[in-house]
């Protein structure tokens, strides 16, 4: 556990000492999610590159970047934040 906390997560000894097991578990889960996302991005980039090399006509950059962003209403953002905070509080309180 210490190798993961100090090496992979980059925590200092005093930071680890102040954490509960639940908090450390959440950090590890977040790190695993980041690794999964990084792998998916690498796979997508490799796939896209291979397909563009074989393409007879390369699509416009705006099409590839998908510049049309979906705007989420502020109410939905607030609700998602409240749910995230409630879940965090449950994990924090169960760790004590």
PDB file of N, CA and C in Angstrom:
ATOM      1  N   UNK A   1       0.822  -1.185   0.000  1.00  0.00           N
ATOM      2  CA  UNK A   1       0.000   0.000   0.000  1.00  0.00           C
ATOM      3  C   UNK A   1       0.871   1.255   0.000  1.00  0.00           C
ATOM      4  N   UNK A   2       1.950   1.249   0.770  1.00  0.00           N
ATOM      5  CA  UNK A   2       2.812   2.421   0.834  1.00  0.00           C
ATOM      6  C   UNK A   2       3.494   2.672  -0.506  1.00  0.00           C
ATOM      7  N   UNK A   3       3.883   1.611  -1.195  1.00  0.00           N
ATOM      8  CA  UNK A   3       4.512   1.782  -2.512  1.00  0.00           C
ATOM      9  C   UNK A   3       3.545   2.458  -3.475  1.00  0.00           C
ATOM     10  N   UNK A   4       2.288   2.070  -3.423  1.00  0.00           N
ATOM     11  CA  UNK A   4       1.286   2.685  -4.285  1.00  0.00           C
ATOM     12  C   UNK A   4       1.069   4.140  -3.894  1.00  0.00           C
ATOM     13  N   UNK A   5       0.931   4.388  -2.600  1.00  0.00           N
ATOM     14  CA  UNK A   5       0.656   5.746  -2.127  1.00  0.00           C
ATOM     15  C   UNK A   5       1.812   6.690  -2.430  1.00  0.00           C
ATOM     16  N   UNK A   6       3.026   6.255  -2.143  1.00  0.00           N
ATOM     17  CA  UNK A   6       4.181   7.131  -2.315  1.00  0.00           C
ATOM     18  C   UNK A   6       4.642   7.184  -3.768  1.00  0.00           C
ATOM     19  N   UNK A   7       4.686   6.033  -4.419  1.00  0.00           N
ATOM     20  CA  UNK A   7       5.220   5.980  -5.772  1.00  0.00           C
ATOM     21  C   UNK A   7       4.223   6.400  -6.831  1.00  0.00           C
ATOM     22  N   UNK A   8       3.122   5.680  -6.911  1.00  0.00           N
ATOM     23  CA  UNK A   8       2.159   5.897  -7.987  1.00  0.00           C
ATOM     24  C   UNK A   8       1.355   7.178  -7.764  1.00  0.00           C
ATOM     25  N   UNK A   9       0.826   7.342  -6.561  1.00  0.00           N
ATOM     26  CA  UNK A   9      -0.020   8.504  -6.279  1.00  0.00           C
ATOM     27  C   UNK A   9       0.779   9.745  -5.911  1.00  0.00           C
ATOM     28  N   UNK A  10       2.046   9.570  -5.528  1.00  0.00           N
ATOM     29  CA  UNK A  10       2.891  10.711  -5.201  1.00  0.00           C
ATOM     30  C   UNK A  10       2.566  11.379  -3.883  1.00  0.00           C
ATOM     31  N   UNK A  11       1.980  10.626  -2.955  1.00  0.00           N
ATOM     32  CA  UNK A  11       1.651  11.192  -1.648  1.00  0.00           C
ATOM     33  C   UNK A  11       2.891  11.286  -0.771  1.00  0.00           C
ATOM     34  N   UNK A  12       2.866  12.218   0.135  1.00  0.00           N
ATOM     35  CA  UNK A  12       3.917  12.336   1.151  1.00  0.00           C
ATOM     36  C   UNK A  12       3.494  11.500   2.360  1.00  0.00           C
ATOM     37  N   UNK A  13       4.456  11.061   3.183  1.00  0.00           N
ATOM     38  CA  UNK A  13       4.099  10.231   4.342  1.00  0.00           C
ATOM     39  C   UNK A  13       3.057  10.870   5.251  1.00  0.00           C
ATOM     40  N   UNK A  14       3.168  12.172   5.492  1.00  0.00           N
ATOM     41  CA  UNK A  14       2.205  12.827   6.373  1.00  0.00           C
ATOM     42  C   UNK A  14       0.826  12.939   5.724  1.00  0.00           C
ATOM     43  N   UNK A  15       0.774  12.986   4.382  1.00  0.00           N
ATOM     44  CA  UNK A  15      -0.521  13.009   3.702  1.00  0.00           C
ATOM     45  C   UNK A  15      -1.208  11.651   3.842  1.00  0.00           C
ATOM     46  N   UNK A  16      -0.441  10.592   3.669  1.00  0.00           N
ATOM     47  CA  UNK A  16      -1.001   9.249   3.820  1.00  0.00           C
ATOM     48  C   UNK A  16      -1.459   9.016   5.255  1.00  0.00           C
ATOM     49  N   UNK A  17      -0.685   9.515   6.215  1.00  0.00           N
ATOM     50  CA  UNK A  17      -1.027   9.321   7.622  1.00  0.00           C
ATOM     51  C   UNK A  17      -2.318   9.998   8.027  1.00  0.00           C
ATOM     52  N   UNK A  18      -2.694  11.069   7.341  1.00  0.00           N
ATOM     53  CA  UNK A  18      -3.925  11.798   7.670  1.00  0.00           C
ATOM     54  C   UNK A  18      -5.154  11.228   6.959  1.00  0.00           C
ATOM     55  N   UNK A  19      -4.937  10.286   6.049  1.00  0.00           N
ATOM     56  CA  UNK A  19      -6.045   9.749   5.256  1.00  0.00           C
ATOM     57  C   UNK A  19      -6.686   8.540   5.914  1.00  0.00           C
ATOM     58  N   UNK A  20      -7.968   8.389   5.598  1.00  0.00           N
ATOM     59  CA  UNK A  20      -8.652   7.155   5.978  1.00  0.00           C
ATOM     60  C   UNK A  20      -8.465   6.147   4.857  1.00  0.00           C
ATOM     61  N   UNK A  21      -8.768   4.904   5.123  1.00  0.00           N
ATOM     62  CA  UNK A  21      -8.671   3.873   4.083  1.00  0.00           C
ATOM     63  C   UNK A  21      -9.652   4.163   2.950  1.00  0.00           C
ATOM     64  N   UNK A  22     -10.809   4.729   3.297  1.00  0.00           N
ATOM     65  CA  UNK A  22     -11.791   5.072   2.273  1.00  0.00           C
ATOM     66  C   UNK A  22     -11.276   6.141   1.325  1.00  0.00           C
ATOM     67  N   UNK A  23     -10.601   7.148   1.879  1.00  0.00           N
ATOM     68  CA  UNK A  23     -10.041   8.205   1.040  1.00  0.00           C
ATOM     69  C   UNK A  23      -8.941   7.668   0.138  1.00  0.00           C
ATOM     70  N   UNK A  24      -8.084   6.822   0.690  1.00  0.00           N
ATOM     71  CA  UNK A  24      -7.031   6.224  -0.116  1.00  0.00           C
ATOM     72  C   UNK A  24      -7.620   5.347  -1.220  1.00  0.00           C
ATOM     73  N   UNK A  25      -8.651   4.619  -0.874  1.00  0.00           N
ATOM     74  CA  UNK A  25      -9.317   3.776  -1.865  1.00  0.00           C
ATOM     75  C   UNK A  25      -9.895   4.622  -2.996  1.00  0.00           C
ATOM     76  N   UNK A  26     -10.478   5.773  -2.647  1.00  0.00           N
ATOM     77  CA  UNK A  26     -11.023   6.661  -3.672  1.00  0.00           C
ATOM     78  C   UNK A  26      -9.914   7.203  -4.577  1.00  0.00           C
ATOM     79  N   UNK A  27      -8.770   7.545  -4.000  1.00  0.00           N
ATOM     80  CA  UNK A  27      -7.640   8.017  -4.806  1.00  0.00           C
ATOM     81  C   UNK A  27      -7.157   6.940  -5.764  1.00  0.00           C
ATOM     82  N   UNK A  28      -7.057   5.720  -5.266  1.00  0.00           N
ATOM     83  CA  UNK A  28      -6.612   4.608  -6.115  1.00  0.00           C
ATOM     84  C   UNK A  28      -7.617   4.351  -7.235  1.00  0.00           C
ATOM     85  N   UNK A  29      -8.909   4.396  -6.914  1.00  0.00           N
ATOM     86  CA  UNK A  29      -9.937   4.212  -7.940  1.00  0.00           C
ATOM     87  C   UNK A  29      -9.854   5.310  -8.996  1.00  0.00           C
ATOM     88  N   UNK A  30      -9.651   6.542  -8.547  1.00  0.00           N
ATOM     89  CA  UNK A  30      -9.516   7.651  -9.491  1.00  0.00           C
ATOM     90  C   UNK A  30      -8.305   7.487 -10.390  1.00  0.00           C
ATOM     91  N   UNK A  31      -7.205   7.027  -9.809  1.00  0.00           N
ATOM     92  CA  UNK A  31      -5.997   6.795 -10.598  1.00  0.00           C
ATOM     93  C   UNK A  31      -6.238   5.685 -11.625  1.00  0.00           C
ATOM     94  N   UNK A  32      -6.920   4.630 -11.217  1.00  0.00           N
ATOM     95  CA  UNK A  32      -7.237   3.540 -12.153  1.00  0.00           C
ATOM     96  C   UNK A  32      -8.142   4.034 -13.280  1.00  0.00           C
ATOM     97  N   UNK A  33      -9.105   4.897 -12.951  1.00  0.00           N
ATOM     98  CA  UNK A  33      -9.959   5.479 -13.988  1.00  0.00           C
ATOM     99  C   UNK A  33      -9.139   6.303 -14.970  1.00  0.00           C
ATOM    100  N   UNK A  34      -8.176   7.077 -14.452  1.00  0.00           N
ATOM    101  CA  UNK A  34      -7.317   7.885 -15.315  1.00  0.00           C
ATOM    102  C   UNK A  34      -6.511   6.992 -16.250  1.00  0.00           C
ATOM    103  N   UNK A  35      -5.958   5.900 -15.717  1.00  0.00           N
ATOM    104  CA  UNK A  35      -5.206   4.980 -16.570  1.00  0.00           C
ATOM    105  C   UNK A  35      -6.087   4.379 -17.662  1.00  0.00           C
ATOM    106  N   UNK A  36      -7.299   3.997 -17.289  1.00  0.00           N
ATOM    107  CA  UNK A  36      -8.237   3.438 -18.263  1.00  0.00           C
ATOM    108  C   UNK A  36      -8.539   4.452 -19.353  1.00  0.00           C
ATOM    109  N   UNK A  37      -8.784   5.704 -18.955  1.00  0.00           N
ATOM    110  CA  UNK A  37      -9.058   6.752 -19.948  1.00  0.00           C
ATOM    111  C   UNK A  37      -7.856   6.992 -20.846  1.00  0.00           C
ATOM    112  N   UNK A  38      -6.653   6.981 -20.265  1.00  0.00           N
ATOM    113  CA  UNK A  38      -5.445   7.176 -21.058  1.00  0.00           C
ATOM    114  C   UNK A  38      -5.268   6.062 -22.085  1.00  0.00           C
ATOM    115  N   UNK A  39      -5.549   4.829 -21.679  1.00  0.00           N
ATOM    116  CA  UNK A  39      -5.437   3.695 -22.603  1.00  0.00           C
ATOM    117  C   UNK A  39      -6.472   3.805 -23.715  1.00  0.00           C
ATOM    118  N   UNK A  40      -7.705   4.176 -23.361  1.00  0.00           N
ATOM    119  CA  UNK A  40      -8.746   4.339 -24.370  1.00  0.00           C
ATOM    120  C   UNK A  40      -8.381   5.444 -25.355  1.00  0.00           C
ATOM    121  N   UNK A  41      -7.809   6.539 -24.853  1.00  0.00           N
ATOM    122  CA  UNK A  41      -7.396   7.630 -25.730  1.00  0.00           C
ATOM    123  C   UNK A  41      -6.281   7.186 -26.669  1.00  0.00           C
ATOM    124  N   UNK A  42      -5.337   6.427 -26.141  1.00  0.00           N
ATOM    125  CA  UNK A  42      -4.248   5.912 -26.986  1.00  0.00           C
ATOM    126  C   UNK A  42      -4.787   4.980 -28.061  1.00  0.00           C
ATOM    127  N   UNK A  43      -5.698   4.100 -27.688  1.00  0.00           N
ATOM    128  CA  UNK A  43      -6.298   3.185 -28.663  1.00  0.00           C
ATOM    129  C   UNK A  43      -7.060   3.949 -29.732  1.00  0.00           C
ATOM    130  N   UNK A  44      -7.825   4.962 -29.315  1.00  0.00           N
ATOM    131  CA  UNK A  44      -8.595   5.753 -30.274  1.00  0.00           C
ATOM    132  C   UNK A  44      -7.661   6.506 -31.214  1.00  0.00           C
ATOM    133  N   UNK A  45      -6.591   7.078 -30.668  1.00  0.00           N
ATOM    134  CA  UNK A  45      -5.635   7.815 -31.485  1.00  0.00           C
ATOM    135  C   UNK A  45      -4.985   6.896 -32.512  1.00  0.00           C
ATOM    136  N   UNK A  46      -4.600   5.698 -32.085  1.00  0.00           N
ATOM    137  CA  UNK A  46      -3.992   4.738 -33.013  1.00  0.00           C
ATOM    138  C   UNK A  46      -4.985   4.343 -34.099  1.00  0.00           C
ATOM    139  N   UNK A  47      -6.225   4.102 -33.711  1.00  0.00           N
ATOM    140  CA  UNK A  47      -7.258   3.718 -34.682  1.00  0.00           C
ATOM    141  C   UNK A  47      -7.501   4.843 -35.677  1.00  0.00           C
ATOM    142  N   UNK A  48      -7.629   6.068 -35.156  1.00  0.00           N
ATOM    143  CA  UNK A  48      -7.892   7.214 -36.022  1.00  0.00           C
ATOM    144  C   UNK A  48      -6.734   7.456 -36.986  1.00  0.00           C
ATOM    145  N   UNK A  49      -5.524   7.359 -36.486  1.00  0.00           N
ATOM    146  CA  UNK A  49      -4.347   7.550 -37.327  1.00  0.00           C
ATOM    147  C   UNK A  49      -4.300   6.509 -38.443  1.00  0.00           C
ATOM    148  N   UNK A  50      -4.532   5.266 -38.088  1.00  0.00           N
ATOM    149  CA  UNK A  50      -4.513   4.194 -39.095  1.00  0.00           C
ATOM    150  C   UNK A  50      -5.585   4.419 -40.149  1.00  0.00           C
ATOM    151  N   UNK A  51      -6.759   4.863 -39.746  1.00  0.00           N
ATOM    152  CA  UNK A  51      -7.835   5.087 -40.708  1.00  0.00           C
ATOM    153  C   UNK A  51      -7.581   6.313 -41.569  1.00  0.00           C
ATOM    154  N   UNK A  52      -6.996   7.357 -41.005  1.00  0.00           N
ATOM    155  CA  UNK A  52      -6.713   8.551 -41.801  1.00  0.00           C
ATOM    156  C   UNK A  52      -5.630   8.279 -42.837  1.00  0.00           C
ATOM    157  N   UNK A  53      -4.676   7.435 -42.496  1.00  0.00           N
ATOM    158  CA  UNK A  53      -3.620   7.086 -43.449  1.00  0.00           C
ATOM    159  C   UNK A  53      -4.226   6.381 -44.665  1.00  0.00           C
ATOM    160  N   UNK A  54      -5.237   5.570 -44.442  1.00  0.00           N
ATOM    161  CA  UNK A  54      -5.868   4.802 -45.511  1.00  0.00           C
ATOM    162  C   UNK A  54      -6.968   5.581 -46.245  1.00  0.00           C
ATOM    163  N   UNK A  55      -7.354   6.726 -45.712  1.00  0.00           N
ATOM    164  CA  UNK A  55      -8.469   7.477 -46.295  1.00  0.00           C
ATOM    165  C   UNK A  55      -8.082   8.087 -47.637  1.00  0.00           C
ATOM    166  N   UNK A  56      -9.024   8.063 -48.566  1.00  0.00           N
ATOM    167  CA  UNK A  56      -8.798   8.693 -49.863  1.00  0.00           C
ATOM    168  C   UNK A  56      -8.919  10.205 -49.745  1.00  0.00           C
ATOM    169  N   UNK A  57      -9.799  10.651 -48.865  1.00  0.00           N
ATOM    170  CA  UNK A  57      -9.974  12.085 -48.646  1.00  0.00           C
ATOM    171  C   UNK A  57     -10.082  12.322 -47.142  1.00  0.00           C
ATOM    172  N   UNK A  58      -9.225  13.162 -46.624  1.00  0.00           N
ATOM    173  CA  UNK A  58      -9.232  13.428 -45.174  1.00  0.00           C
ATOM    174  C   UNK A  58     -10.357  14.417 -44.865  1.00  0.00           C
ATOM    175  N   UNK A  59     -11.174  14.113 -43.845  1.00  0.00           N
ATOM    176  CA  UNK A  59     -12.268  15.025 -43.492  1.00  0.00           C
ATOM    177  C   UNK A  59     -11.730  16.323 -42.895  1.00  0.00           C
ATOM    178  N   UNK A  60     -12.545  17.366 -42.892  1.00  0.00           N
ATOM    179  CA  UNK A  60     -12.106  18.628 -42.302  1.00  0.00           C
ATOM    180  C   UNK A  60     -11.778  18.464 -40.814  1.00  0.00           C
ATOM    181  N   UNK A  61     -10.839  19.280 -40.339  1.00  0.00           N
ATOM    182  CA  UNK A  61     -10.407  19.196 -38.948  1.00  0.00           C
ATOM    183  C   UNK A  61     -11.571  19.436 -37.986  1.00  0.00           C
ATOM    184  N   UNK A  62     -12.457  20.357 -38.310  1.00  0.00           N
ATOM    185  CA  UNK A  62     -13.589  20.646 -37.415  1.00  0.00           C
ATOM    186  C   UNK A  62     -14.474  19.409 -37.222  1.00  0.00           C
ATOM    187  N   UNK A  63     -14.550  18.578 -38.263  1.00  0.00           N
ATOM    188  CA  UNK A  63     -15.332  17.347 -38.148  1.00  0.00           C
ATOM    189  C   UNK A  63     -14.631  16.354 -37.211  1.00  0.00           C
ATOM    190  N   UNK A  64     -13.312  16.281 -37.324  1.00  0.00           N
ATOM    191  CA  UNK A  64     -12.552  15.363 -36.470  1.00  0.00           C
ATOM    192  C   UNK A  64     -12.560  15.814 -35.008  1.00  0.00           C
ATOM    193  N   UNK A  65     -12.476  17.105 -34.789  1.00  0.00           N
ATOM    194  CA  UNK A  65     -12.424  17.633 -33.419  1.00  0.00           C
ATOM    195  C   UNK A  65     -13.796  17.711 -32.761  1.00  0.00           C
ATOM    196  N   UNK A  66     -14.841  17.625 -33.553  1.00  0.00           N
ATOM    197  CA  UNK A  66     -16.203  17.718 -33.031  1.00  0.00           C
ATOM    198  C   UNK A  66     -16.340  18.986 -32.189  1.00  0.00           C
ATOM    199  N   UNK A  67     -16.194  20.126 -32.841  1.00  0.00           N
ATOM    200  CA  UNK A  67     -16.171  21.405 -32.139  1.00  0.00           C
ATOM    201  C   UNK A  67     -17.503  21.806 -31.532  1.00  0.00           C
ATOM    202  N   UNK A  68     -18.566  21.130 -31.912  1.00  0.00           N
ATOM    203  CA  UNK A  68     -19.864  21.444 -31.317  1.00  0.00           C
ATOM    204  C   UNK A  68     -19.931  20.804 -29.934  1.00  0.00           C
ATOM    205  N   UNK A  69     -19.824  21.631 -28.918  1.00  0.00           N
ATOM    206  CA  UNK A  69     -19.857  21.133 -27.548  1.00  0.00           C
ATOM    207  C   UNK A  69     -21.284  21.197 -27.014  1.00  0.00           C
ATOM    208  N   UNK A  70     -21.639  20.153 -26.322  1.00  0.00           N
ATOM    209  CA  UNK A  70     -22.951  20.103 -25.702  1.00  0.00           C
ATOM    210  C   UNK A  70     -22.886  20.898 -24.401  1.00  0.00           C
ATOM    211  N   UNK A  71     -23.682  21.947 -24.312  1.00  0.00           N
ATOM    212  CA  UNK A  71     -23.697  22.751 -23.107  1.00  0.00           C
ATOM    213  C   UNK A  71     -24.680  22.146 -22.116  1.00  0.00           C
ATOM    214  N   UNK A  72     -24.187  21.898 -20.915  1.00  0.00           N
ATOM    215  CA  UNK A  72     -25.018  21.337 -19.860  1.00  0.00           C
ATOM    216  C   UNK A  72     -25.555  22.492 -19.029  1.00  0.00           C
ATOM    217  N   UNK A  73     -26.884  22.531 -18.838  1.00  0.00           N
ATOM    218  CA  UNK A  73     -27.451  23.616 -18.031  1.00  0.00           C
ATOM    219  C   UNK A  73     -26.841  23.638 -16.622  1.00  0.00           C
ATOM    220  N   UNK A  74     -26.739  24.818 -16.062  1.00  0.00           N
ATOM    221  CA  UNK A  74     -26.103  24.990 -14.762  1.00  0.00           C
ATOM    222  C   UNK A  74     -26.833  24.196 -13.679  1.00  0.00           C
ATOM    223  N   UNK A  75     -28.151  24.041 -13.812  1.00  0.00           N
ATOM    224  CA  UNK A  75     -28.907  23.280 -12.812  1.00  0.00           C
ATOM    225  C   UNK A  75     -28.450  21.824 -12.788  1.00  0.00           C
ATOM    226  N   UNK A  76     -28.218  21.247 -13.974  1.00  0.00           N
ATOM    227  CA  UNK A  76     -27.742  19.867 -14.042  1.00  0.00           C
ATOM    228  C   UNK A  76     -26.335  19.742 -13.469  1.00  0.00           C
ATOM    229  N   UNK A  77     -25.493  20.743 -13.727  1.00  0.00           N
ATOM    230  CA  UNK A  77     -24.144  20.731 -13.171  1.00  0.00           C
ATOM    231  C   UNK A  77     -24.183  20.794 -11.656  1.00  0.00           C
ATOM    232  N   UNK A  78     -25.056  21.640 -11.116  1.00  0.00           N
ATOM    233  CA  UNK A  78     -25.182  21.762  -9.659  1.00  0.00           C
ATOM    234  C   UNK A  78     -25.690  20.460  -9.049  1.00  0.00           C
ATOM    235  N   UNK A  79     -26.661  19.844  -9.688  1.00  0.00           N
ATOM    236  CA  UNK A  79     -27.214  18.591  -9.177  1.00  0.00           C
ATOM    237  C   UNK A  79     -26.157  17.494  -9.195  1.00  0.00           C
ATOM    238  N   UNK A  80     -25.392  17.407 -10.265  1.00  0.00           N
ATOM    239  CA  UNK A  80     -24.327  16.413 -10.344  1.00  0.00           C
ATOM    240  C   UNK A  80     -23.285  16.658  -9.258  1.00  0.00           C
ATOM    241  N   UNK A  81     -22.963  17.920  -8.997  1.00  0.00           N
ATOM    242  CA  UNK A  81     -21.994  18.259  -7.948  1.00  0.00           C
ATOM    243  C   UNK A  81     -22.537  17.859  -6.572  1.00  0.00           C
ATOM    244  N   UNK A  82     -23.811  18.127  -6.329  1.00  0.00           N
ATOM    245  CA  UNK A  82     -24.412  17.757  -5.041  1.00  0.00           C
ATOM    246  C   UNK A  82     -24.368  16.245  -4.839  1.00  0.00           C
ATOM    247  N   UNK A  83     -24.680  15.487  -5.877  1.00  0.00           N
ATOM    248  CA  UNK A  83     -24.644  14.028  -5.779  1.00  0.00           C
ATOM    249  C   UNK A  83     -23.232  13.530  -5.508  1.00  0.00           C
ATOM    250  N   UNK A  84     -22.259  14.117  -6.180  1.00  0.00           N
ATOM    251  CA  UNK A  84     -20.868  13.741  -5.973  1.00  0.00           C
ATOM    252  C   UNK A  84     -20.441  14.032  -4.540  1.00  0.00           C
ATOM    253  N   UNK A  85     -20.814  15.182  -4.012  1.00  0.00           N
ATOM    254  CA  UNK A  85     -20.447  15.551  -2.643  1.00  0.00           C
ATOM    255  C   UNK A  85     -21.124  14.638  -1.622  1.00  0.00           C
ATOM    256  N   UNK A  86     -22.384  14.283  -1.859  1.00  0.00           N
ATOM    257  CA  UNK A  86     -23.087  13.377  -0.951  1.00  0.00           C
ATOM    258  C   UNK A  86     -22.406  12.004  -0.922  1.00  0.00           C
ATOM    259  N   UNK A  87     -22.012  11.514  -2.086  1.00  0.00           N
ATOM    260  CA  UNK A  87     -21.327  10.224  -2.148  1.00  0.00           C
ATOM    261  C   UNK A  87     -19.982  10.301  -1.433  1.00  0.00           C
ATOM    262  N   UNK A  88     -19.266  11.398  -1.636  1.00  0.00           N
ATOM    263  CA  UNK A  88     -17.973  11.577  -0.961  1.00  0.00           C
ATOM    264  C   UNK A  88     -18.148  11.612   0.556  1.00  0.00           C
ATOM    265  N   UNK A  89     -19.180  12.301   1.034  1.00  0.00           N
ATOM    266  CA  UNK A  89     -19.431  12.379   2.480  1.00  0.00           C
ATOM    267  C   UNK A  89     -19.758  11.003   3.054  1.00  0.00           C
ATOM    268  N   UNK A  90     -20.514  10.198   2.317  1.00  0.00           N
ATOM    269  CA  UNK A  90     -20.828   8.843   2.779  1.00  0.00           C
ATOM    270  C   UNK A  90     -19.562   8.016   2.918  1.00  0.00           C
ATOM    271  N   UNK A  91     -18.701   8.092   1.910  1.00  0.00           N
ATOM    272  CA  UNK A  91     -17.442   7.341   1.948  1.00  0.00           C
ATOM    273  C   UNK A  91     -16.564   7.844   3.089  1.00  0.00           C
ATOM    274  N   UNK A  92     -16.497   9.146   3.242  1.00  0.00           N
ATOM    275  CA  UNK A  92     -15.684   9.739   4.305  1.00  0.00           C
ATOM    276  C   UNK A  92     -16.193   9.321   5.682  1.00  0.00           C
ATOM    277  N   UNK A  93     -17.508   9.361   5.885  1.00  0.00           N
ATOM    278  CA  UNK A  93     -18.083   9.015   7.184  1.00  0.00           C
ATOM    279  C   UNK A  93     -17.985   7.533   7.488  1.00  0.00           C
ATOM    280  N   UNK A  94     -18.040   6.682   6.463  1.00  0.00           N
ATOM    281  CA  UNK A  94     -17.906   5.244   6.679  1.00  0.00           C
ATOM    282  C   UNK A  94     -16.474   4.846   7.006  1.00  0.00           C
ATOM    283  N   UNK A  95     -15.519   5.672   6.608  1.00  0.00           N
ATOM    284  CA  UNK A  95     -14.118   5.393   6.878  1.00  0.00           C
ATOM    285  C   UNK A  95     -13.702   5.695   8.305  1.00  0.00           C
ATOM    286  N   UNK A  96     -14.541   6.382   9.045  1.00  0.00           N
ATOM    287  CA  UNK A  96     -14.196   6.783  10.417  1.00  0.00           C
ATOM    288  C   UNK A  96     -14.588   5.748  11.416  1.00  0.00           C
TER     289      UNK A  96
END
